[in-house]
Amino acid sequence: MGSFSIWHWLVVLLVILLLFGSGKISGLMGDLAKGIKSFKQNIKEDEKDASMEAQAPAQPPAGTIPGPQQGTAAAATAQPQPQAQAAPQAQAAPQAPPPGSRPAA
């Protein structure tokens, strides 16, 4: 009593075919197959890219900046950095006193 017989499954299959139609089900299966093929193809491409990156020699970036130098001899030979001059600041215009206040004597 706990399991369904073959007749129960045939009735369920018949109802599904009537609701969705055979054309729609075959279309869904075709779309599923295309999705699986696309997934497998992308996995292979990713593996190819990863193997190409592993085979490439490690090269430092083209524009490297040297790190901090240690020791007094290295500090003595370091070139001084030019300092940027600050632009002269414009003087602020005098502010009017708030309304209702007394002028300063």
PDB file of N, CA and C in Angstrom:
ATOM      1  N   MET A   1       0.811  -1.187   0.000  1.00  0.00           N
ATOM      2  CA  MET A   1       0.000   0.000   0.000  1.00  0.00           C
ATOM      3  C   MET A   1       0.859   1.258   0.000  1.00  0.00           C
ATOM      4  N   GLY A   2       2.100   1.178   0.454  1.00  0.00           N
ATOM      5  CA  GLY A   2       2.965   2.350   0.533  1.00  0.00           C
ATOM      6  C   GLY A   2       3.514   2.785  -0.802  1.00  0.00           C
ATOM      7  N   SER A   3       3.576   1.907  -1.807  1.00  0.00           N
ATOM      8  CA  SER A   3       4.123   2.301  -3.101  1.00  0.00           C
ATOM      9  C   SER A   3       3.010   2.360  -4.140  1.00  0.00           C
ATOM     10  N   PHE A   4       3.257   3.114  -5.205  1.00  0.00           N
ATOM     11  CA  PHE A   4       2.287   3.231  -6.278  1.00  0.00           C
ATOM     12  C   PHE A   4       2.502   2.118  -7.293  1.00  0.00           C
ATOM     13  N   SER A   5       1.428   1.682  -7.909  1.00  0.00           N
ATOM     14  CA  SER A   5       1.541   0.651  -8.942  1.00  0.00           C
ATOM     15  C   SER A   5       1.844   1.321 -10.282  1.00  0.00           C
ATOM     16  N   ILE A   6       2.092   0.514 -11.288  1.00  0.00           N
ATOM     17  CA  ILE A   6       2.403   1.033 -12.622  1.00  0.00           C
ATOM     18  C   ILE A   6       1.235   1.822 -13.175  1.00  0.00           C
ATOM     19  N   TRP A   7       0.008   1.447 -12.813  1.00  0.00           N
ATOM     20  CA  TRP A   7      -1.177   2.146 -13.318  1.00  0.00           C
ATOM     21  C   TRP A   7      -1.252   3.563 -12.754  1.00  0.00           C
ATOM     22  N   HIS A   8      -0.849   3.726 -11.513  1.00  0.00           N
ATOM     23  CA  HIS A   8      -0.833   5.082 -10.936  1.00  0.00           C
ATOM     24  C   HIS A   8       0.144   5.986 -11.705  1.00  0.00           C
ATOM     25  N   TRP A   9       1.329   5.472 -12.004  1.00  0.00           N
ATOM     26  CA  TRP A   9       2.345   6.242 -12.706  1.00  0.00           C
ATOM     27  C   TRP A   9       1.913   6.553 -14.139  1.00  0.00           C
ATOM     28  N   LEU A  10       1.233   5.632 -14.800  1.00  0.00           N
ATOM     29  CA  LEU A  10       0.741   5.882 -16.156  1.00  0.00           C
ATOM     30  C   LEU A  10      -0.307   6.988 -16.164  1.00  0.00           C
ATOM     31  N   VAL A  11      -1.179   7.011 -15.158  1.00  0.00           N
ATOM     32  CA  VAL A  11      -2.190   8.065 -15.074  1.00  0.00           C
ATOM     33  C   VAL A  11      -1.512   9.415 -14.849  1.00  0.00           C
ATOM     34  N   VAL A  12      -0.512   9.474 -13.978  1.00  0.00           N
ATOM     35  CA  VAL A  12       0.215  10.718 -13.716  1.00  0.00           C
ATOM     36  C   VAL A  12       0.912  11.188 -14.991  1.00  0.00           C
ATOM     37  N   LEU A  13       1.546  10.284 -15.717  1.00  0.00           N
ATOM     38  CA  LEU A  13       2.219  10.631 -16.968  1.00  0.00           C
ATOM     39  C   LEU A  13       1.214  11.149 -18.001  1.00  0.00           C
ATOM     40  N   LEU A  14       0.061  10.538 -18.092  1.00  0.00           N
ATOM     41  CA  LEU A  14      -0.973  10.977 -19.023  1.00  0.00           C
ATOM     42  C   LEU A  14      -1.463  12.379 -18.683  1.00  0.00           C
ATOM     43  N   VAL A  15      -1.660  12.669 -17.402  1.00  0.00           N
ATOM     44  CA  VAL A  15      -2.101  14.001 -16.981  1.00  0.00           C
ATOM     45  C   VAL A  15      -1.034  15.046 -17.314  1.00  0.00           C
ATOM     46  N   ILE A  16       0.217  14.725 -17.087  1.00  0.00           N
ATOM     47  CA  ILE A  16       1.314  15.656 -17.398  1.00  0.00           C
ATOM     48  C   ILE A  16       1.368  15.925 -18.895  1.00  0.00           C
ATOM     49  N   LEU A  17       1.226  14.877 -19.714  1.00  0.00           N
ATOM     50  CA  LEU A  17       1.238  15.068 -21.165  1.00  0.00           C
ATOM     51  C   LEU A  17       0.053  15.911 -21.622  1.00  0.00           C
ATOM     52  N   LEU A  18      -1.090  15.734 -21.013  1.00  0.00           N
ATOM     53  CA  LEU A  18      -2.255  16.530 -21.391  1.00  0.00           C
ATOM     54  C   LEU A  18      -2.085  17.991 -20.995  1.00  0.00           C
ATOM     55  N   LEU A  19      -1.490  18.232 -19.829  1.00  0.00           N
ATOM     56  CA  LEU A  19      -1.319  19.606 -19.362  1.00  0.00           C
ATOM     57  C   LEU A  19      -0.273  20.359 -20.174  1.00  0.00           C
ATOM     58  N   PHE A  20       0.857  19.744 -20.405  1.00  0.00           N
ATOM     59  CA  PHE A  20       1.975  20.442 -21.032  1.00  0.00           C
ATOM     60  C   PHE A  20       2.104  20.165 -22.519  1.00  0.00           C
ATOM     61  N   GLY A  21       1.639  19.048 -22.980  1.00  0.00           N
ATOM     62  CA  GLY A  21       1.782  18.691 -24.388  1.00  0.00           C
ATOM     63  C   GLY A  21       3.153  18.089 -24.647  1.00  0.00           C
ATOM     64  N   SER A  22       3.232  17.234 -25.654  1.00  0.00           N
ATOM     65  CA  SER A  22       4.501  16.539 -25.920  1.00  0.00           C
ATOM     66  C   SER A  22       5.541  17.484 -26.519  1.00  0.00           C
ATOM     67  N   GLY A  23       5.116  18.493 -27.269  1.00  0.00           N
ATOM     68  CA  GLY A  23       6.064  19.426 -27.882  1.00  0.00           C
ATOM     69  C   GLY A  23       6.785  20.267 -26.847  1.00  0.00           C
ATOM     70  N   LYS A  24       6.063  20.696 -25.829  1.00  0.00           N
ATOM     71  CA  LYS A  24       6.682  21.534 -24.803  1.00  0.00           C
ATOM     72  C   LYS A  24       7.677  20.736 -23.969  1.00  0.00           C
ATOM     73  N   ILE A  25       7.350  19.499 -23.676  1.00  0.00           N
ATOM     74  CA  ILE A  25       8.261  18.668 -22.875  1.00  0.00           C
ATOM     75  C   ILE A  25       9.542  18.386 -23.660  1.00  0.00           C
ATOM     76  N   SER A  26       9.423  18.072 -24.944  1.00  0.00           N
ATOM     77  CA  SER A  26      10.634  17.804 -25.732  1.00  0.00           C
ATOM     78  C   SER A  26      11.474  19.081 -25.880  1.00  0.00           C
ATOM     79  N   GLY A  27      10.808  20.229 -25.975  1.00  0.00           N
ATOM     80  CA  GLY A  27      11.543  21.496 -26.032  1.00  0.00           C
ATOM     81  C   GLY A  27      12.307  21.761 -24.748  1.00  0.00           C
ATOM     82  N   LEU A  28      11.675  21.456 -23.615  1.00  0.00           N
ATOM     83  CA  LEU A  28      12.344  21.642 -22.322  1.00  0.00           C
ATOM     84  C   LEU A  28      13.553  20.718 -22.187  1.00  0.00           C
ATOM     85  N   MET A  29      13.413  19.476 -22.659  1.00  0.00           N
ATOM     86  CA  MET A  29      14.535  18.541 -22.583  1.00  0.00           C
ATOM     87  C   MET A  29      15.675  18.997 -23.505  1.00  0.00           C
ATOM     88  N   GLY A  30      15.331  19.548 -24.664  1.00  0.00           N
ATOM     89  CA  GLY A  30      16.364  20.061 -25.573  1.00  0.00           C
ATOM     90  C   GLY A  30      17.108  21.238 -24.962  1.00  0.00           C
ATOM     91  N   ASP A  31      16.361  22.135 -24.312  1.00  0.00           N
ATOM     92  CA  ASP A  31      17.003  23.279 -23.648  1.00  0.00           C
ATOM     93  C   ASP A  31      17.899  22.815 -22.508  1.00  0.00           C
ATOM     94  N   LEU A  32      17.463  21.796 -21.787  1.00  0.00           N
ATOM     95  CA  LEU A  32      18.278  21.251 -20.695  1.00  0.00           C
ATOM     96  C   LEU A  32      19.582  20.675 -21.249  1.00  0.00           C
ATOM     97  N   ALA A  33      19.485  19.943 -22.375  1.00  0.00           N
ATOM     98  CA  ALA A  33      20.683  19.355 -22.983  1.00  0.00           C
ATOM     99  C   ALA A  33      21.647  20.444 -23.450  1.00  0.00           C
ATOM    100  N   LYS A  34      21.117  21.521 -24.045  1.00  0.00           N
ATOM    101  CA  LYS A  34      21.979  22.629 -24.479  1.00  0.00           C
ATOM    102  C   LYS A  34      22.679  23.279 -23.293  1.00  0.00           C
ATOM    103  N   GLY A  35      21.955  23.440 -22.195  1.00  0.00           N
ATOM    104  CA  GLY A  35      22.546  24.030 -20.999  1.00  0.00           C
ATOM    105  C   GLY A  35      23.679  23.187 -20.442  1.00  0.00           C
ATOM    106  N   ILE A  36      23.491  21.871 -20.436  1.00  0.00           N
ATOM    107  CA  ILE A  36      24.532  20.970 -19.927  1.00  0.00           C
ATOM    108  C   ILE A  36      25.766  21.020 -20.831  1.00  0.00           C
ATOM    109  N   LYS A  37      25.558  21.028 -22.159  1.00  0.00           N
ATOM    110  CA  LYS A  37      26.694  21.101 -23.092  1.00  0.00           C
ATOM    111  C   LYS A  37      27.460  22.405 -22.915  1.00  0.00           C
ATOM    112  N   SER A  38      26.723  23.503 -22.757  1.00  0.00           N
ATOM    113  CA  SER A  38      27.371  24.802 -22.569  1.00  0.00           C
ATOM    114  C   SER A  38      28.167  24.826 -21.271  1.00  0.00           C
ATOM    115  N   PHE A  39      27.608  24.245 -20.222  1.00  0.00           N
ATOM    116  CA  PHE A  39      28.302  24.188 -18.933  1.00  0.00           C
ATOM    117  C   PHE A  39      29.600  23.404 -19.057  1.00  0.00           C
ATOM    118  N   LYS A  40      29.558  22.243 -19.703  1.00  0.00           N
ATOM    119  CA  LYS A  40      30.767  21.424 -19.865  1.00  0.00           C
ATOM    120  C   LYS A  40      31.822  22.155 -20.690  1.00  0.00           C
ATOM    121  N   GLN A  41      31.375  22.864 -21.745  1.00  0.00           N
ATOM    122  CA  GLN A  41      32.315  23.602 -22.593  1.00  0.00           C
ATOM    123  C   GLN A  41      32.999  24.714 -21.804  1.00  0.00           C
ATOM    124  N   ASN A  42      32.256  25.428 -20.980  1.00  0.00           N
ATOM    125  CA  ASN A  42      32.849  26.501 -20.170  1.00  0.00           C
ATOM    126  C   ASN A  42      33.809  25.960 -19.124  1.00  0.00           C
ATOM    127  N   ILE A  43      33.509  24.801 -18.570  1.00  0.00           N
ATOM    128  CA  ILE A  43      34.424  24.186 -17.592  1.00  0.00           C
ATOM    129  C   ILE A  43      35.751  23.840 -18.281  1.00  0.00           C
ATOM    130  N   LYS A  44      35.675  23.295 -19.496  1.00  0.00           N
ATOM    131  CA  LYS A  44      36.906  22.953 -20.219  1.00  0.00           C
ATOM    132  C   LYS A  44      37.716  24.203 -20.539  1.00  0.00           C
ATOM    133  N   GLU A  45      37.052  25.293 -20.918  1.00  0.00           N
ATOM    134  CA  GLU A  45      37.759  26.539 -21.216  1.00  0.00           C
ATOM    135  C   GLU A  45      38.432  27.093 -19.969  1.00  0.00           C
ATOM    136  N   ASP A  46      37.765  27.006 -18.833  1.00  0.00           N
ATOM    137  CA  ASP A  46      38.362  27.488 -17.582  1.00  0.00           C
ATOM    138  C   ASP A  46      39.586  26.670 -17.212  1.00  0.00           C
ATOM    139  N   GLU A  47      39.524  25.355 -17.421  1.00  0.00           N
ATOM    140  CA  GLU A  47      40.684  24.508 -17.120  1.00  0.00           C
ATOM    141  C   GLU A  47      41.840  24.859 -18.054  1.00  0.00           C
ATOM    142  N   LYS A  48      41.526  25.159 -19.316  1.00  0.00           N
ATOM    143  CA  LYS A  48      42.555  25.534 -20.278  1.00  0.00           C
ATOM    144  C   LYS A  48      43.226  26.841 -19.868  1.00  0.00           C
ATOM    145  N   ASP A  49      42.415  27.818 -19.454  1.00  0.00           N
ATOM    146  CA  ASP A  49      42.963  29.100 -19.014  1.00  0.00           C
ATOM    147  C   ASP A  49      43.837  28.935 -17.780  1.00  0.00           C
ATOM    148  N   ALA A  50      43.411  28.101 -16.845  1.00  0.00           N
ATOM    149  CA  ALA A  50      44.185  27.895 -15.619  1.00  0.00           C
ATOM    150  C   ALA A  50      45.515  27.216 -15.924  1.00  0.00           C
ATOM    151  N   SER A  51      45.513  26.259 -16.861  1.00  0.00           N
ATOM    152  CA  SER A  51      46.770  25.582 -17.187  1.00  0.00           C
ATOM    153  C   SER A  51      47.718  26.524 -17.917  1.00  0.00           C
ATOM    154  N   MET A  52      47.163  27.441 -18.730  1.00  0.00           N
ATOM    155  CA  MET A  52      48.015  28.406 -19.425  1.00  0.00           C
ATOM    156  C   MET A  52      48.634  29.383 -18.429  1.00  0.00           C
ATOM    157  N   GLU A  53      47.892  29.784 -17.412  1.00  0.00           N
ATOM    158  CA  GLU A  53      48.433  30.691 -16.405  1.00  0.00           C
ATOM    159  C   GLU A  53      49.517  30.011 -15.585  1.00  0.00           C
ATOM    160  N   ALA A  54      49.355  28.712 -15.319  1.00  0.00           N
ATOM    161  CA  ALA A  54      50.353  27.985 -14.529  1.00  0.00           C
ATOM    162  C   ALA A  54      51.648  27.824 -15.315  1.00  0.00           C
ATOM    163  N   GLN A  55      51.566  27.723 -16.631  1.00  0.00           N
ATOM    164  CA  GLN A  55      52.755  27.531 -17.448  1.00  0.00           C
ATOM    165  C   GLN A  55      53.490  28.836 -17.729  1.00  0.00           C
ATOM    166  N   ALA A  56      52.814  29.954 -17.645  1.00  0.00           N
ATOM    167  CA  ALA A  56      53.442  31.241 -17.945  1.00  0.00           C
ATOM    168  C   ALA A  56      54.476  31.577 -16.869  1.00  0.00           C
ATOM    169  N   PRO A  57      55.660  32.085 -17.267  1.00  0.00           N
ATOM    170  CA  PRO A  57      56.672  32.448 -16.273  1.00  0.00           C
ATOM    171  C   PRO A  57      56.214  33.673 -15.477  1.00  0.00           C
ATOM    172  N   ALA A  58      56.542  33.667 -14.224  1.00  0.00           N
ATOM    173  CA  ALA A  58      56.169  34.787 -13.360  1.00  0.00           C
ATOM    174  C   ALA A  58      57.103  35.960 -13.634  1.00  0.00           C
ATOM    175  N   GLN A  59      56.558  37.069 -14.064  1.00  0.00           N
ATOM    176  CA  GLN A  59      57.337  38.261 -14.350  1.00  0.00           C
ATOM    177  C   GLN A  59      56.829  39.381 -13.461  1.00  0.00           C
ATOM    178  N   PRO A  60      57.742  40.211 -12.967  1.00  0.00           N
ATOM    179  CA  PRO A  60      57.278  41.334 -12.156  1.00  0.00           C
ATOM    180  C   PRO A  60      56.541  42.329 -13.036  1.00  0.00           C
ATOM    181  N   PRO A  61      55.661  43.104 -12.476  1.00  0.00           N
ATOM    182  CA  PRO A  61      54.950  44.107 -13.273  1.00  0.00           C
ATOM    183  C   PRO A  61      55.931  45.102 -13.875  1.00  0.00           C
ATOM    184  N   ALA A  62      55.540  45.719 -14.968  1.00  0.00           N
ATOM    185  CA  ALA A  62      56.438  46.604 -15.706  1.00  0.00           C
ATOM    186  C   ALA A  62      56.828  47.836 -14.893  1.00  0.00           C
ATOM    187  N   GLY A  63      55.919  48.425 -14.159  1.00  0.00           N
ATOM    188  CA  GLY A  63      56.208  49.656 -13.428  1.00  0.00           C
ATOM    189  C   GLY A  63      56.324  49.416 -11.940  1.00  0.00           C
ATOM    190  N   THR A  64      57.378  48.752 -11.517  1.00  0.00           N
ATOM    191  CA  THR A  64      57.526  48.468 -10.090  1.00  0.00           C
ATOM    192  C   THR A  64      58.161  49.646  -9.375  1.00  0.00           C
ATOM    193  N   ILE A  65      57.773  49.848  -8.156  1.00  0.00           N
ATOM    194  CA  ILE A  65      58.333  50.895  -7.304  1.00  0.00           C
ATOM    195  C   ILE A  65      59.140  50.192  -6.228  1.00  0.00           C
ATOM    196  N   PRO A  66      60.411  50.592  -6.017  1.00  0.00           N
ATOM    197  CA  PRO A  66      61.214  49.905  -4.999  1.00  0.00           C
ATOM    198  C   PRO A  66      60.638  50.152  -3.615  1.00  0.00           C
ATOM    199  N   GLY A  67      60.788  49.161  -2.761  1.00  0.00           N
ATOM    200  CA  GLY A  67      60.285  49.255  -1.394  1.00  0.00           C
ATOM    201  C   GLY A  67      61.194  50.104  -0.530  1.00  0.00           C
ATOM    202  N   PRO A  68      60.876  50.226   0.752  1.00  0.00           N
ATOM    203  CA  PRO A  68      61.715  51.031   1.652  1.00  0.00           C
ATOM    204  C   PRO A  68      63.097  50.390   1.797  1.00  0.00           C
ATOM    205  N   GLN A  69      64.095  51.247   1.867  1.00  0.00           N
ATOM    206  CA  GLN A  69      65.468  50.758   1.967  1.00  0.00           C
ATOM    207  C   GLN A  69      65.858  50.695   3.441  1.00  0.00           C
ATOM    208  N   GLN A  70      66.647  49.676   3.761  1.00  0.00           N
ATOM    209  CA  GLN A  70      67.059  49.492   5.147  1.00  0.00           C
ATOM    210  C   GLN A  70      68.543  49.812   5.285  1.00  0.00           C
ATOM    211  N   GLY A  71      68.939  50.236   6.482  1.00  0.00           N
ATOM    212  CA  GLY A  71      70.350  50.516   6.757  1.00  0.00           C
ATOM    213  C   GLY A  71      70.705  51.961   6.499  1.00  0.00           C
ATOM    214  N   THR A  72      71.819  52.417   7.094  1.00  0.00           N
ATOM    215  CA  THR A  72      72.217  53.813   6.953  1.00  0.00           C
ATOM    216  C   THR A  72      72.869  54.085   5.608  1.00  0.00           C
ATOM    217  N   ALA A  73      73.598  53.103   5.064  1.00  0.00           N
ATOM    218  CA  ALA A  73      74.262  53.317   3.782  1.00  0.00           C
ATOM    219  C   ALA A  73      73.214  53.480   2.683  1.00  0.00           C
ATOM    220  N   ALA A  74      72.171  52.709   2.754  1.00  0.00           N
ATOM    221  CA  ALA A  74      71.117  52.812   1.742  1.00  0.00           C
ATOM    222  C   ALA A  74      70.372  54.131   1.906  1.00  0.00           C
ATOM    223  N   ALA A  75      70.194  54.580   3.131  1.00  0.00           N
ATOM    224  CA  ALA A  75      69.468  55.832   3.363  1.00  0.00           C
ATOM    225  C   ALA A  75      70.306  57.021   2.885  1.00  0.00           C
ATOM    226  N   ALA A  76      71.643  56.914   2.993  1.00  0.00           N
ATOM    227  CA  ALA A  76      72.501  58.013   2.570  1.00  0.00           C
ATOM    228  C   ALA A  76      72.506  58.149   1.050  1.00  0.00           C
ATOM    229  N   THR A  77      72.363  57.043   0.341  1.00  0.00           N
ATOM    230  CA  THR A  77      72.385  57.105  -1.115  1.00  0.00           C
ATOM    231  C   THR A  77      71.010  57.390  -1.710  1.00  0.00           C
ATOM    232  N   ALA A  78      69.986  57.398  -0.882  1.00  0.00           N
ATOM    233  CA  ALA A  78      68.634  57.645  -1.399  1.00  0.00           C
ATOM    234  C   ALA A  78      68.532  59.080  -1.886  1.00  0.00           C
ATOM    235  N   GLN A  79      67.829  59.271  -2.972  1.00  0.00           N
ATOM    236  CA  GLN A  79      67.676  60.609  -3.529  1.00  0.00           C
ATOM    237  C   GLN A  79      66.517  61.311  -2.824  1.00  0.00           C
ATOM    238  N   PRO A  80      66.706  62.585  -2.499  1.00  0.00           N
ATOM    239  CA  PRO A  80      65.620  63.303  -1.837  1.00  0.00           C
ATOM    240  C   PRO A  80      64.476  63.550  -2.805  1.00  0.00           C
ATOM    241  N   GLN A  81      63.264  63.496  -2.292  1.00  0.00           N
ATOM    242  CA  GLN A  81      62.076  63.745  -3.097  1.00  0.00           C
ATOM    243  C   GLN A  81      61.809  65.243  -3.138  1.00  0.00           C
ATOM    244  N   PRO A  82      61.486  65.793  -4.297  1.00  0.00           N
ATOM    245  CA  PRO A  82      61.158  67.226  -4.352  1.00  0.00           C
ATOM    246  C   PRO A  82      59.837  67.467  -3.628  1.00  0.00           C
ATOM    247  N   GLN A  83      59.795  68.577  -2.887  1.00  0.00           N
ATOM    248  CA  GLN A  83      58.595  68.900  -2.133  1.00  0.00           C
ATOM    249  C   GLN A  83      57.746  69.856  -2.954  1.00  0.00           C
ATOM    250  N   ALA A  84      56.478  69.631  -2.911  1.00  0.00           N
ATOM    251  CA  ALA A  84      55.567  70.502  -3.643  1.00  0.00           C
ATOM    252  C   ALA A  84      55.327  71.755  -2.825  1.00  0.00           C
ATOM    253  N   GLN A  85      55.310  72.896  -3.521  1.00  0.00           N
ATOM    254  CA  GLN A  85      55.072  74.152  -2.826  1.00  0.00           C
ATOM    255  C   GLN A  85      53.573  74.378  -2.735  1.00  0.00           C
ATOM    256  N   ALA A  86      53.168  74.869  -1.587  1.00  0.00           N
ATOM    257  CA  ALA A  86      51.758  75.136  -1.380  1.00  0.00           C
ATOM    258  C   ALA A  86      51.380  76.416  -2.110  1.00  0.00           C
ATOM    259  N   ALA A  87      50.235  76.436  -2.729  1.00  0.00           N
ATOM    260  CA  ALA A  87      49.756  77.622  -3.430  1.00  0.00           C
ATOM    261  C   ALA A  87      49.352  78.669  -2.392  1.00  0.00           C
ATOM    262  N   PRO A  88      49.614  79.951  -2.680  1.00  0.00           N
ATOM    263  CA  PRO A  88      49.233  80.973  -1.695  1.00  0.00           C
ATOM    264  C   PRO A  88      47.715  80.984  -1.538  1.00  0.00           C
ATOM    265  N   GLN A  89      47.290  81.114  -0.289  1.00  0.00           N
ATOM    266  CA  GLN A  89      45.867  81.123  -0.005  1.00  0.00           C
ATOM    267  C   GLN A  89      45.329  82.541  -0.111  1.00  0.00           C
ATOM    268  N   ALA A  90      44.154  82.665  -0.652  1.00  0.00           N
ATOM    269  CA  ALA A  90      43.521  83.977  -0.760  1.00  0.00           C
ATOM    270  C   ALA A  90      43.007  84.383   0.609  1.00  0.00           C
ATOM    271  N   GLN A  91      43.100  85.692   0.870  1.00  0.00           N
ATOM    272  CA  GLN A  91      42.625  86.165   2.160  1.00  0.00           C
ATOM    273  C   GLN A  91      41.104  86.155   2.159  1.00  0.00           C
ATOM    274  N   ALA A  92      40.579  85.793   3.297  1.00  0.00           N
ATOM    275  CA  ALA A  92      39.125  85.723   3.426  1.00  0.00           C
ATOM    276  C   ALA A  92      38.575  87.139   3.544  1.00  0.00           C
ATOM    277  N   ALA A  93      37.438  87.373   2.919  1.00  0.00           N
ATOM    278  CA  ALA A  93      36.785  88.681   3.002  1.00  0.00           C
ATOM    279  C   ALA A  93      36.222  88.864   4.411  1.00  0.00           C
ATOM    280  N   PRO A  94      36.238  90.113   4.915  1.00  0.00           N
ATOM    281  CA  PRO A  94      35.699  90.316   6.261  1.00  0.00           C
ATOM    282  C   PRO A  94      34.215  89.973   6.289  1.00  0.00           C
ATOM    283  N   GLN A  95      33.843  89.347   7.394  1.00  0.00           N
ATOM    284  CA  GLN A  95      32.457  88.921   7.515  1.00  0.00           C
ATOM    285  C   GLN A  95      31.658  89.989   8.243  1.00  0.00           C
ATOM    286  N   ALA A  96      30.420  90.118   7.822  1.00  0.00           N
ATOM    287  CA  ALA A  96      29.533  91.075   8.481  1.00  0.00           C
ATOM    288  C   ALA A  96      29.053  90.474   9.791  1.00  0.00           C
ATOM    289  N   PRO A  97      28.859  91.300  10.820  1.00  0.00           N
ATOM    290  CA  PRO A  97      28.384  90.760  12.094  1.00  0.00           C
ATOM    291  C   PRO A  97      26.952  90.259  11.934  1.00  0.00           C
ATOM    292  N   PRO A  98      26.581  89.294  12.735  1.00  0.00           N
ATOM    293  CA  PRO A  98      25.215  88.786  12.632  1.00  0.00           C
ATOM    294  C   PRO A  98      24.193  89.880  12.996  1.00  0.00           C
ATOM    295  N   PRO A  99      23.013  89.836  12.437  1.00  0.00           N
ATOM    296  CA  PRO A  99      22.029  90.880  12.740  1.00  0.00           C
ATOM    297  C   PRO A  99      21.633  90.864  14.203  1.00  0.00           C
ATOM    298  N   GLY A 100      21.446  92.036  14.749  1.00  0.00           N
ATOM    299  CA  GLY A 100      21.034  92.156  16.152  1.00  0.00           C
ATOM    300  C   GLY A 100      22.185  92.184  17.131  1.00  0.00           C
ATOM    301  N   SER A 101      23.421  92.190  16.659  1.00  0.00           N
ATOM    302  CA  SER A 101      24.562  92.222  17.588  1.00  0.00           C
ATOM    303  C   SER A 101      25.149  93.638  17.583  1.00  0.00           C
ATOM    304  N   ARG A 102      25.830  93.962  18.628  1.00  0.00           N
ATOM    305  CA  ARG A 102      26.450  95.305  18.742  1.00  0.00           C
ATOM    306  C   ARG A 102      27.789  95.295  18.052  1.00  0.00           C
ATOM    307  N   PRO A 103      28.140  96.405  17.450  1.00  0.00           N
ATOM    308  CA  PRO A 103      29.469  96.489  16.846  1.00  0.00           C
ATOM    309  C   PRO A 103      30.546  96.563  17.927  1.00  0.00           C
ATOM    310  N   ALA A 104      31.694  96.054  17.645  1.00  0.00           N
ATOM    311  CA  ALA A 104      32.788  96.055  18.612  1.00  0.00           C
ATOM    312  C   ALA A 104      33.340  97.470  18.743  1.00  0.00           C
ATOM    313  N   ALA A 105      33.695  97.849  19.983  1.00  0.00           N
ATOM    314  CA  ALA A 105      34.158  99.204  20.221  1.00  0.00           C
ATOM    315  C   ALA A 105      35.642  99.312  20.102  1.00  0.00           C
TER     316      ALA A 105
END
